[in-house]
Amino acid sequence: MVVCTCLVSLHIPDSGSLKAKRLVIRRLKDRIRNKFNVSVAEVDDFDLWQRAT
């Protein structure tokens, strides 16, 4: 079994609320899961509107 980790920090400048941020992150996670068949999770910056880790 191969195990890898990758930490990506994103700046989402057009996000004006947590709801908008969640929408962007959900779409991005779905696209990554479908294309690469990997697990994706948001692990930090839950309360910041324009940051995602």
PDB file of N, CA and C in Angstrom:
ATOM      1  N   MET A   1       0.839  -1.164   0.000  1.00  0.00           N
ATOM      2  CA  MET A   1       0.000   0.000   0.000  1.00  0.00           C
ATOM      3  C   MET A   1       0.896   1.243   0.000  1.00  0.00           C
ATOM      4  N   VAL A   2       0.551   2.185  -0.821  1.00  0.00           N
ATOM      5  CA  VAL A   2       1.287   3.436  -0.919  1.00  0.00           C
ATOM      6  C   VAL A   2       0.510   4.517  -0.157  1.00  0.00           C
ATOM      7  N   VAL A   3       1.212   5.215   0.718  1.00  0.00           N
ATOM      8  CA  VAL A   3       0.588   6.289   1.489  1.00  0.00           C
ATOM      9  C   VAL A   3       1.384   7.566   1.259  1.00  0.00           C
ATOM     10  N   CYS A   4       0.692   8.616   0.868  1.00  0.00           N
ATOM     11  CA  CYS A   4       1.326   9.917   0.641  1.00  0.00           C
ATOM     12  C   CYS A   4       0.461  10.997   1.275  1.00  0.00           C
ATOM     13  N   THR A   5       1.093  12.069   1.659  1.00  0.00           N
ATOM     14  CA  THR A   5       0.339  13.222   2.146  1.00  0.00           C
ATOM     15  C   THR A   5       0.783  14.456   1.382  1.00  0.00           C
ATOM     16  N   CYS A   6      -0.143  15.351   1.226  1.00  0.00           N
ATOM     17  CA  CYS A   6       0.120  16.598   0.524  1.00  0.00           C
ATOM     18  C   CYS A   6      -0.681  17.687   1.227  1.00  0.00           C
ATOM     19  N   LEU A   7      -0.029  18.761   1.572  1.00  0.00           N
ATOM     20  CA  LEU A   7      -0.700  19.875   2.234  1.00  0.00           C
ATOM     21  C   LEU A   7      -0.739  21.048   1.271  1.00  0.00           C
ATOM     22  N   VAL A   8      -1.946  21.501   0.964  1.00  0.00           N
ATOM     23  CA  VAL A   8      -2.135  22.590   0.011  1.00  0.00           C
ATOM     24  C   VAL A   8      -2.896  23.708   0.717  1.00  0.00           C
ATOM     25  N   SER A   9      -2.366  24.911   0.642  1.00  0.00           N
ATOM     26  CA  SER A   9      -3.053  26.086   1.188  1.00  0.00           C
ATOM     27  C   SER A   9      -3.574  26.919   0.032  1.00  0.00           C
ATOM     28  N   LEU A  10      -4.844  27.262   0.094  1.00  0.00           N
ATOM     29  CA  LEU A  10      -5.477  28.023  -0.977  1.00  0.00           C
ATOM     30  C   LEU A  10      -5.937  29.381  -0.466  1.00  0.00           C
ATOM     31  N   HIS A  11      -5.801  30.385  -1.309  1.00  0.00           N
ATOM     32  CA  HIS A  11      -6.372  31.705  -1.048  1.00  0.00           C
ATOM     33  C   HIS A  11      -7.516  31.870  -2.034  1.00  0.00           C
ATOM     34  N   ILE A  12      -8.716  32.116  -1.520  1.00  0.00           N
ATOM     35  CA  ILE A  12      -9.918  32.232  -2.353  1.00  0.00           C
ATOM     36  C   ILE A  12     -10.402  33.683  -2.254  1.00  0.00           C
ATOM     37  N   PRO A  13      -9.927  34.563  -3.129  1.00  0.00           N
ATOM     38  CA  PRO A  13     -10.214  35.999  -2.982  1.00  0.00           C
ATOM     39  C   PRO A  13     -11.676  36.384  -3.199  1.00  0.00           C
ATOM     40  N   ASP A  14     -12.420  35.652  -3.987  1.00  0.00           N
ATOM     41  CA  ASP A  14     -13.813  36.000  -4.277  1.00  0.00           C
ATOM     42  C   ASP A  14     -14.792  35.470  -3.247  1.00  0.00           C
ATOM     43  N   SER A  15     -14.294  34.764  -2.252  1.00  0.00           N
ATOM     44  CA  SER A  15     -15.170  34.198  -1.233  1.00  0.00           C
ATOM     45  C   SER A  15     -15.581  35.292  -0.253  1.00  0.00           C
ATOM     46  N   GLY A  16     -16.878  35.571  -0.186  1.00  0.00           N
ATOM     47  CA  GLY A  16     -17.380  36.607   0.700  1.00  0.00           C
ATOM     48  C   GLY A  16     -18.018  36.073   1.961  1.00  0.00           C
ATOM     49  N   SER A  17     -18.109  34.740   2.073  1.00  0.00           N
ATOM     50  CA  SER A  17     -18.716  34.135   3.263  1.00  0.00           C
ATOM     51  C   SER A  17     -18.213  32.707   3.394  1.00  0.00           C
ATOM     52  N   LEU A  18     -18.484  32.124   4.533  1.00  0.00           N
ATOM     53  CA  LEU A  18     -18.097  30.726   4.731  1.00  0.00           C
ATOM     54  C   LEU A  18     -18.881  29.807   3.800  1.00  0.00           C
ATOM     55  N   LYS A  19     -20.121  30.178   3.503  1.00  0.00           N
ATOM     56  CA  LYS A  19     -20.944  29.381   2.583  1.00  0.00           C
ATOM     57  C   LYS A  19     -20.324  29.356   1.191  1.00  0.00           C
ATOM     58  N   ALA A  20     -19.853  30.495   0.707  1.00  0.00           N
ATOM     59  CA  ALA A  20     -19.211  30.560  -0.607  1.00  0.00           C
ATOM     60  C   ALA A  20     -17.905  29.771  -0.612  1.00  0.00           C
ATOM     61  N   LYS A  21     -17.161  29.857   0.490  1.00  0.00           N
ATOM     62  CA  LYS A  21     -15.916  29.095   0.601  1.00  0.00           C
ATOM     63  C   LYS A  21     -16.200  27.601   0.544  1.00  0.00           C
ATOM     64  N   ARG A  22     -17.208  27.146   1.306  1.00  0.00           N
ATOM     65  CA  ARG A  22     -17.557  25.719   1.308  1.00  0.00           C
ATOM     66  C   ARG A  22     -17.952  25.230  -0.074  1.00  0.00           C
ATOM     67  N   LEU A  23     -18.657  26.057  -0.834  1.00  0.00           N
ATOM     68  CA  LEU A  23     -19.056  25.685  -2.187  1.00  0.00           C
ATOM     69  C   LEU A  23     -17.836  25.479  -3.081  1.00  0.00           C
ATOM     70  N   VAL A  24     -16.894  26.406  -3.026  1.00  0.00           N
ATOM     71  CA  VAL A  24     -15.669  26.298  -3.827  1.00  0.00           C
ATOM     72  C   VAL A  24     -14.871  25.070  -3.424  1.00  0.00           C
ATOM     73  N   ILE A  25     -14.698  24.872  -2.125  1.00  0.00           N
ATOM     74  CA  ILE A  25     -13.915  23.738  -1.631  1.00  0.00           C
ATOM     75  C   ILE A  25     -14.585  22.411  -1.969  1.00  0.00           C
ATOM     76  N   ARG A  26     -15.915  22.353  -1.849  1.00  0.00           N
ATOM     77  CA  ARG A  26     -16.636  21.112  -2.172  1.00  0.00           C
ATOM     78  C   ARG A  26     -16.455  20.742  -3.639  1.00  0.00           C
ATOM     79  N   ARG A  27     -16.574  21.719  -4.532  1.00  0.00           N
ATOM     80  CA  ARG A  27     -16.393  21.445  -5.964  1.00  0.00           C
ATOM     81  C   ARG A  27     -14.979  20.982  -6.265  1.00  0.00           C
ATOM     82  N   LEU A  28     -14.000  21.642  -5.655  1.00  0.00           N
ATOM     83  CA  LEU A  28     -12.603  21.276  -5.878  1.00  0.00           C
ATOM     84  C   LEU A  28     -12.311  19.870  -5.356  1.00  0.00           C
ATOM     85  N   LYS A  29     -12.800  19.561  -4.157  1.00  0.00           N
ATOM     86  CA  LYS A  29     -12.581  18.225  -3.597  1.00  0.00           C
ATOM     87  C   LYS A  29     -13.242  17.150  -4.456  1.00  0.00           C
ATOM     88  N   ASP A  30     -14.438  17.406  -4.949  1.00  0.00           N
ATOM     89  CA  ASP A  30     -15.125  16.432  -5.806  1.00  0.00           C
ATOM     90  C   ASP A  30     -14.357  16.174  -7.090  1.00  0.00           C
ATOM     91  N   ARG A  31     -13.840  17.236  -7.701  1.00  0.00           N
ATOM     92  CA  ARG A  31     -13.078  17.077  -8.945  1.00  0.00           C
ATOM     93  C   ARG A  31     -11.798  16.282  -8.711  1.00  0.00           C
ATOM     94  N   ILE A  32     -11.104  16.563  -7.601  1.00  0.00           N
ATOM     95  CA  ILE A  32      -9.867  15.834  -7.290  1.00  0.00           C
ATOM     96  C   ILE A  32     -10.168  14.371  -7.006  1.00  0.00           C
ATOM     97  N   ARG A  33     -11.222  14.110  -6.226  1.00  0.00           N
ATOM     98  CA  ARG A  33     -11.591  12.719  -5.921  1.00  0.00           C
ATOM     99  C   ARG A  33     -11.924  11.933  -7.183  1.00  0.00           C
ATOM    100  N   ASN A  34     -12.693  12.535  -8.078  1.00  0.00           N
ATOM    101  CA  ASN A  34     -13.102  11.838  -9.295  1.00  0.00           C
ATOM    102  C   ASN A  34     -11.942  11.604 -10.255  1.00  0.00           C
ATOM    103  N   LYS A  35     -11.057  12.564 -10.364  1.00  0.00           N
ATOM    104  CA  LYS A  35      -9.967  12.442 -11.329  1.00  0.00           C
ATOM    105  C   LYS A  35      -8.849  11.518 -10.850  1.00  0.00           C
ATOM    106  N   PHE A  36      -8.506  11.608  -9.544  1.00  0.00           N
ATOM    107  CA  PHE A  36      -7.345  10.877  -9.046  1.00  0.00           C
ATOM    108  C   PHE A  36      -7.676   9.743  -8.078  1.00  0.00           C
ATOM    109  N   ASN A  37      -8.945   9.583  -7.694  1.00  0.00           N
ATOM    110  CA  ASN A  37      -9.363   8.525  -6.779  1.00  0.00           C
ATOM    111  C   ASN A  37      -8.557   8.555  -5.475  1.00  0.00           C
ATOM    112  N   VAL A  38      -8.556   9.718  -4.824  1.00  0.00           N
ATOM    113  CA  VAL A  38      -7.841   9.908  -3.562  1.00  0.00           C
ATOM    114  C   VAL A  38      -8.789  10.492  -2.516  1.00  0.00           C
ATOM    115  N   SER A  39      -8.376  10.421  -1.270  1.00  0.00           N
ATOM    116  CA  SER A  39      -9.132  11.042  -0.190  1.00  0.00           C
ATOM    117  C   SER A  39      -8.676  12.488  -0.034  1.00  0.00           C
ATOM    118  N   VAL A  40      -9.633  13.376   0.189  1.00  0.00           N
ATOM    119  CA  VAL A  40      -9.346  14.798   0.329  1.00  0.00           C
ATOM    120  C   VAL A  40     -10.089  15.306   1.555  1.00  0.00           C
ATOM    121  N   ALA A  41      -9.407  16.130   2.369  1.00  0.00           N
ATOM    122  CA  ALA A  41     -10.040  16.686   3.563  1.00  0.00           C
ATOM    123  C   ALA A  41      -9.527  18.093   3.824  1.00  0.00           C
ATOM    124  N   GLU A  42     -10.418  18.955   4.291  1.00  0.00           N
ATOM    125  CA  GLU A  42     -10.013  20.277   4.753  1.00  0.00           C
ATOM    126  C   GLU A  42      -9.608  20.126   6.213  1.00  0.00           C
ATOM    127  N   VAL A  43      -8.390  20.543   6.551  1.00  0.00           N
ATOM    128  CA  VAL A  43      -7.862  20.248   7.880  1.00  0.00           C
ATOM    129  C   VAL A  43      -7.570  21.482   8.729  1.00  0.00           C
ATOM    130  N   ASP A  44      -7.684  22.680   8.178  1.00  0.00           N
ATOM    131  CA  ASP A  44      -7.368  23.880   8.945  1.00  0.00           C
ATOM    132  C   ASP A  44      -8.086  25.076   8.333  1.00  0.00           C
ATOM    133  N   ASP A  45      -8.063  26.194   9.021  1.00  0.00           N
ATOM    134  CA  ASP A  45      -8.662  27.445   8.532  1.00  0.00           C
ATOM    135  C   ASP A  45     -10.165  27.307   8.295  1.00  0.00           C
ATOM    136  N   PHE A  46     -10.869  26.660   9.211  1.00  0.00           N
ATOM    137  CA  PHE A  46     -12.303  26.439   9.050  1.00  0.00           C
ATOM    138  C   PHE A  46     -13.112  27.730   9.116  1.00  0.00           C
ATOM    139  N   ASP A  47     -12.656  28.685   9.934  1.00  0.00           N
ATOM    140  CA  ASP A  47     -13.433  29.901  10.160  1.00  0.00           C
ATOM    141  C   ASP A  47     -12.974  31.098   9.326  1.00  0.00           C
ATOM    142  N   LEU A  48     -11.970  30.916   8.498  1.00  0.00           N
ATOM    143  CA  LEU A  48     -11.488  32.016   7.667  1.00  0.00           C
ATOM    144  C   LEU A  48     -12.138  31.930   6.292  1.00  0.00           C
ATOM    145  N   TRP A  49     -12.719  33.031   5.838  1.00  0.00           N
ATOM    146  CA  TRP A  49     -13.482  33.035   4.596  1.00  0.00           C
ATOM    147  C   TRP A  49     -12.632  32.819   3.359  1.00  0.00           C
ATOM    148  N   GLN A  50     -11.428  33.357   3.346  1.00  0.00           N
ATOM    149  CA  GLN A  50     -10.635  33.346   2.127  1.00  0.00           C
ATOM    150  C   GLN A  50      -9.449  32.399   2.173  1.00  0.00           C
ATOM    151  N   ARG A  51      -9.356  31.546   3.182  1.00  0.00           N
ATOM    152  CA  ARG A  51      -8.249  30.608   3.299  1.00  0.00           C
ATOM    153  C   ARG A  51      -8.792  29.192   3.451  1.00  0.00           C
ATOM    154  N   ALA A  52      -8.092  28.254   2.847  1.00  0.00           N
ATOM    155  CA  ALA A  52      -8.428  26.835   2.995  1.00  0.00           C
ATOM    156  C   ALA A  52      -7.135  26.041   3.004  1.00  0.00           C
ATOM    157  N   THR A  53      -7.055  25.063   3.892  1.00  0.00           N
ATOM    158  CA  THR A  53      -5.871  24.204   3.968  1.00  0.00           C
ATOM    159  C   THR A  53      -6.324  22.763   3.941  1.00  0.00           C
TER     160      THR A  53
END
